[in-house]
Each structure stands twice: as structure tokens, then as C-alpha cells.
Amino acid sequence: MRRLATLAALALTLAAGRSDPLAGRVAGPSVECIDLQRINGPDIVDADTILYRESGKRIWVSGPVGKCPSLRPLDTLIVEVRGSQLCRNDLFRTVTPGLSIPSGVCRFRRFVPYDRPNP
């Protein structure tokens, strides 16, 4: 079900005139944690989808556990990091541009890697 939500969110991204960042990529098995030293991001797609990029090679897709209505594109993500990895159930908040009060706390779900298949 989460995968369908991610695909639907990316379809909306395309409809908004942006290119699909996962085009031509294949999903791999989800993992509990990703290495913060190797990723760039986040890119908030919608209330269910957050992307992190790994040196142009891999894109990690995650999102909140349950609903996180304050998660919107263009918001700033404030992540409570414990160590050198970002993991499932780590906490985050958002701040809307122009405002200074952060949202309620949300938690990350597992991270799914999307890679380009080998030719």
C-alpha cells in the first residue's frame, strides 16, 4: 500500500511539471537505517513521501509512520539525529516558510532504495 502511495505521489509530481526522480529506477529491499554521511536531502514530495539522494547513484524513499499532515513540499525538515545514521522511528518536525513554530513530532518509516538497473 505504501508503494502505491509513493507512486501516486510521484505521479502528482509529474503532473505539476516536475520530472520523476525515480524514472528508470528499481526498488530494492527496505532497510532500517541510512548513512547520513552519504546522503543529500531531504526532498519532501508530499505528506507521505520524503526523498534522500545518495551521491547521484541511489535515491532513498521514506515517509512518516502513520499520518503527518504538517509534512508538505517546500517545508523545512528538522530531524532529531542520534549518531551517524538516520533510522526508522527517528523523529522529525517541519517548519513552514515564514513561520517559526515547528509542527508536531512525526517518525520515519523504513527506507527503500531505488537504483538504476545495470545495463
C-alpha atoms as a PDB file:
ATOM      1  CA  MET A   1       0.000   0.000   0.000  1.00  0.00           C
ATOM      2  CA  ARG A   2       2.845   2.417   0.844  1.00  0.00           C
ATOM      3  CA  ARG A   3       4.435   1.696  -2.536  1.00  0.00           C
ATOM      4  CA  LEU A   4       1.177   2.643  -4.288  1.00  0.00           C
ATOM      5  CA  ALA A   5       1.036   5.864  -2.270  1.00  0.00           C
ATOM      6  CA  THR A   6       4.621   6.657  -3.272  1.00  0.00           C
ATOM      7  CA  LEU A   7       3.870   6.010  -6.939  1.00  0.00           C
ATOM      8  CA  ALA A   8       0.722   8.138  -6.741  1.00  0.00           C
ATOM      9  CA  ALA A   9       2.688  10.967  -5.138  1.00  0.00           C
ATOM     10  CA  LEU A  10       5.284  10.809  -7.877  1.00  0.00           C
ATOM     11  CA  ALA A  11       2.536  10.876 -10.494  1.00  0.00           C
ATOM     12  CA  LEU A  12       1.281  14.112  -8.923  1.00  0.00           C
ATOM     13  CA  THR A  13       4.837  15.457  -9.026  1.00  0.00           C
ATOM     14  CA  LEU A  14       4.925  14.777 -12.752  1.00  0.00           C
ATOM     15  CA  ALA A  15       1.536  16.423 -13.221  1.00  0.00           C
ATOM     16  CA  ALA A  16       2.927  19.518 -11.507  1.00  0.00           C
ATOM     17  CA  GLY A  17       5.578  19.755 -14.231  1.00  0.00           C
ATOM     18  CA  ARG A  18       8.498  18.239 -12.355  1.00  0.00           C
ATOM     19  CA  SER A  19      10.376  15.215 -13.640  1.00  0.00           C
ATOM     20  CA  ASP A  20      10.017  11.851 -11.907  1.00  0.00           C
ATOM     21  CA  PRO A  21      13.181  11.303  -9.830  1.00  0.00           C
ATOM     22  CA  LEU A  22      12.546   7.546  -9.732  1.00  0.00           C
ATOM     23  CA  ALA A  23      12.119   7.115 -13.503  1.00  0.00           C
ATOM     24  CA  GLY A  24      14.189   4.170 -14.707  1.00  0.00           C
ATOM     25  CA  ARG A  25      14.999   3.058 -11.164  1.00  0.00           C
ATOM     26  CA  VAL A  26      14.095  -0.191  -9.447  1.00  0.00           C
ATOM     27  CA  ALA A  27      13.106  -0.529  -5.776  1.00  0.00           C
ATOM     28  CA  GLY A  28      15.239  -2.729  -3.559  1.00  0.00           C
ATOM     29  CA  PRO A  29      14.533  -4.212  -0.140  1.00  0.00           C
ATOM     30  CA  SER A  30      13.840  -1.674   2.601  1.00  0.00           C
ATOM     31  CA  VAL A  31      16.349  -1.048   5.382  1.00  0.00           C
ATOM     32  CA  GLU A  32      16.144   0.257   8.939  1.00  0.00           C
ATOM     33  CA  CYS A  33      18.844   2.969   8.628  1.00  0.00           C
ATOM     34  CA  ILE A  34      20.791   5.009   6.074  1.00  0.00           C
ATOM     35  CA  ASP A  35      24.211   6.636   6.479  1.00  0.00           C
ATOM     36  CA  LEU A  36      23.949  10.414   6.929  1.00  0.00           C
ATOM     37  CA  GLN A  37      27.476  10.934   5.571  1.00  0.00           C
ATOM     38  CA  ARG A  38      26.408   9.637   2.138  1.00  0.00           C
ATOM     39  CA  ILE A  39      23.070  11.365   1.556  1.00  0.00           C
ATOM     40  CA  ASN A  40      21.753  14.719   0.417  1.00  0.00           C
ATOM     41  CA  GLY A  41      18.281  15.951   1.111  1.00  0.00           C
ATOM     42  CA  PRO A  42      15.591  15.772   2.140  1.00  0.00           C
ATOM     43  CA  ASP A  43      13.168  16.488  -0.677  1.00  0.00           C
ATOM     44  CA  ILE A  44       9.583  16.457   0.585  1.00  0.00           C
ATOM     45  CA  VAL A  45       7.269  15.218  -2.175  1.00  0.00           C
ATOM     46  CA  ASP A  46       4.031  15.158  -0.167  1.00  0.00           C
ATOM     47  CA  ALA A  47       2.613  14.203   3.250  1.00  0.00           C
ATOM     48  CA  ASP A  48       3.661  10.554   2.705  1.00  0.00           C
ATOM     49  CA  THR A  49       6.945  10.772   0.794  1.00  0.00           C
ATOM     50  CA  ILE A  50      10.446  12.037   1.610  1.00  0.00           C
ATOM     51  CA  LEU A  51      13.411  11.507  -0.734  1.00  0.00           C
ATOM     52  CA  TYR A  52      17.113  11.424   0.107  1.00  0.00           C
ATOM     53  CA  ARG A  53      19.759  11.214  -2.631  1.00  0.00           C
ATOM     54  CA  GLU A  54      22.996   9.281  -2.297  1.00  0.00           C
ATOM     55  CA  SER A  55      25.771  10.810  -4.435  1.00  0.00           C
ATOM     56  CA  GLY A  56      23.605  10.731  -7.558  1.00  0.00           C
ATOM     57  CA  LYS A  57      23.536   6.937  -7.585  1.00  0.00           C
ATOM     58  CA  ARG A  58      20.729   5.892  -5.290  1.00  0.00           C
ATOM     59  CA  ILE A  59      17.552   7.565  -4.093  1.00  0.00           C
ATOM     60  CA  TRP A  60      16.124   6.570  -0.725  1.00  0.00           C
ATOM     61  CA  VAL A  61      12.357   6.868  -0.231  1.00  0.00           C
ATOM     62  CA  SER A  62      10.792   7.112   3.204  1.00  0.00           C
ATOM     63  CA  GLY A  63       7.988   8.958   4.865  1.00  0.00           C
ATOM     64  CA  PRO A  64       6.175   9.201   8.152  1.00  0.00           C
ATOM     65  CA  VAL A  65       4.819   6.337  10.206  1.00  0.00           C
ATOM     66  CA  GLY A  66       1.079   6.980  10.053  1.00  0.00           C
ATOM     67  CA  LYS A  67      -0.194  10.427   9.185  1.00  0.00           C
ATOM     68  CA  CYS A  68       1.921  13.569   9.350  1.00  0.00           C
ATOM     69  CA  PRO A  69      -0.373  16.313   7.992  1.00  0.00           C
ATOM     70  CA  SER A  70       2.232  19.010   8.546  1.00  0.00           C
ATOM     71  CA  LEU A  71       4.611  17.375   6.019  1.00  0.00           C
ATOM     72  CA  ARG A  72       4.334  19.446   2.821  1.00  0.00           C
ATOM     73  CA  PRO A  73       6.620  20.295  -0.107  1.00  0.00           C
ATOM     74  CA  LEU A  74       8.772  23.388   0.490  1.00  0.00           C
ATOM     75  CA  ASP A  75       8.643  22.921   4.283  1.00  0.00           C
ATOM     76  CA  THR A  76      11.916  22.570   6.172  1.00  0.00           C
ATOM     77  CA  LEU A  77      12.501  19.203   7.824  1.00  0.00           C
ATOM     78  CA  ILE A  78      14.068  19.284  11.302  1.00  0.00           C
ATOM     79  CA  VAL A  79      15.426  15.830  12.131  1.00  0.00           C
ATOM     80  CA  GLU A  80      16.444  14.664  15.607  1.00  0.00           C
ATOM     81  CA  VAL A  81      19.610  12.735  14.746  1.00  0.00           C
ATOM     82  CA  ARG A  82      21.202  10.283  17.140  1.00  0.00           C
ATOM     83  CA  GLY A  83      24.555   9.246  15.719  1.00  0.00           C
ATOM     84  CA  SER A  84      25.714   8.947  12.111  1.00  0.00           C
ATOM     85  CA  GLN A  85      22.615   7.239  10.741  1.00  0.00           C
ATOM     86  CA  LEU A  86      19.040   8.189  10.026  1.00  0.00           C
ATOM     87  CA  CYS A  87      16.787   5.326  11.126  1.00  0.00           C
ATOM     88  CA  ARG A  88      13.219   4.112  11.179  1.00  0.00           C
ATOM     89  CA  ASN A  89      11.370   5.732  14.094  1.00  0.00           C
ATOM     90  CA  ASP A  90      13.807   8.681  14.272  1.00  0.00           C
ATOM     91  CA  LEU A  91      11.811  11.832  14.999  1.00  0.00           C
ATOM     92  CA  PHE A  92      11.303  14.875  12.788  1.00  0.00           C
ATOM     93  CA  ARG A  93       9.283  18.079  12.683  1.00  0.00           C
ATOM     94  CA  THR A  94       8.580  20.565   9.941  1.00  0.00           C
ATOM     95  CA  VAL A  95       8.646  24.340   9.744  1.00  0.00           C
ATOM     96  CA  THR A  96       6.606  26.162   7.133  1.00  0.00           C
ATOM     97  CA  PRO A  97       8.443  29.004   5.340  1.00  0.00           C
ATOM     98  CA  GLY A  98       7.661  32.300   7.042  1.00  0.00           C
ATOM     99  CA  LEU A  99       6.730  30.669  10.336  1.00  0.00           C
ATOM    100  CA  SER A 100       8.936  29.899  13.316  1.00  0.00           C
ATOM    101  CA  ILE A 101       6.893  27.374  15.276  1.00  0.00           C
ATOM    102  CA  PRO A 102       7.649  23.751  14.322  1.00  0.00           C
ATOM    103  CA  SER A 103       4.955  21.143  13.766  1.00  0.00           C
ATOM    104  CA  GLY A 104       4.174  18.197  15.989  1.00  0.00           C
ATOM    105  CA  VAL A 105       6.574  15.261  16.020  1.00  0.00           C
ATOM    106  CA  CYS A 106       6.478  12.592  13.295  1.00  0.00           C
ATOM    107  CA  ARG A 107       8.558   9.413  12.864  1.00  0.00           C
ATOM    108  CA  PHE A 108      10.313   7.958   9.826  1.00  0.00           C
ATOM    109  CA  ARG A 109       9.278   4.597   8.422  1.00  0.00           C
ATOM    110  CA  ARG A 110      11.787   2.203   6.772  1.00  0.00           C
ATOM    111  CA  PHE A 111      13.926   3.435   3.852  1.00  0.00           C
ATOM    112  CA  VAL A 112      13.543   1.931   0.369  1.00  0.00           C
ATOM    113  CA  PRO A 113      16.470   2.240  -2.071  1.00  0.00           C
ATOM    114  CA  TYR A 114      15.814   2.990  -5.738  1.00  0.00           C
ATOM    115  CA  ASP A 115      18.706   2.187  -8.084  1.00  0.00           C
ATOM    116  CA  ARG A 116      19.268   2.239 -11.822  1.00  0.00           C
ATOM    117  CA  PRO A 117      19.415  -1.317 -13.163  1.00  0.00           C
ATOM    118  CA  ASN A 118      22.753  -2.475 -14.550  1.00  0.00           C
ATOM    119  CA  PRO A 119      22.830  -2.477 -18.378  1.00  0.00           C
END
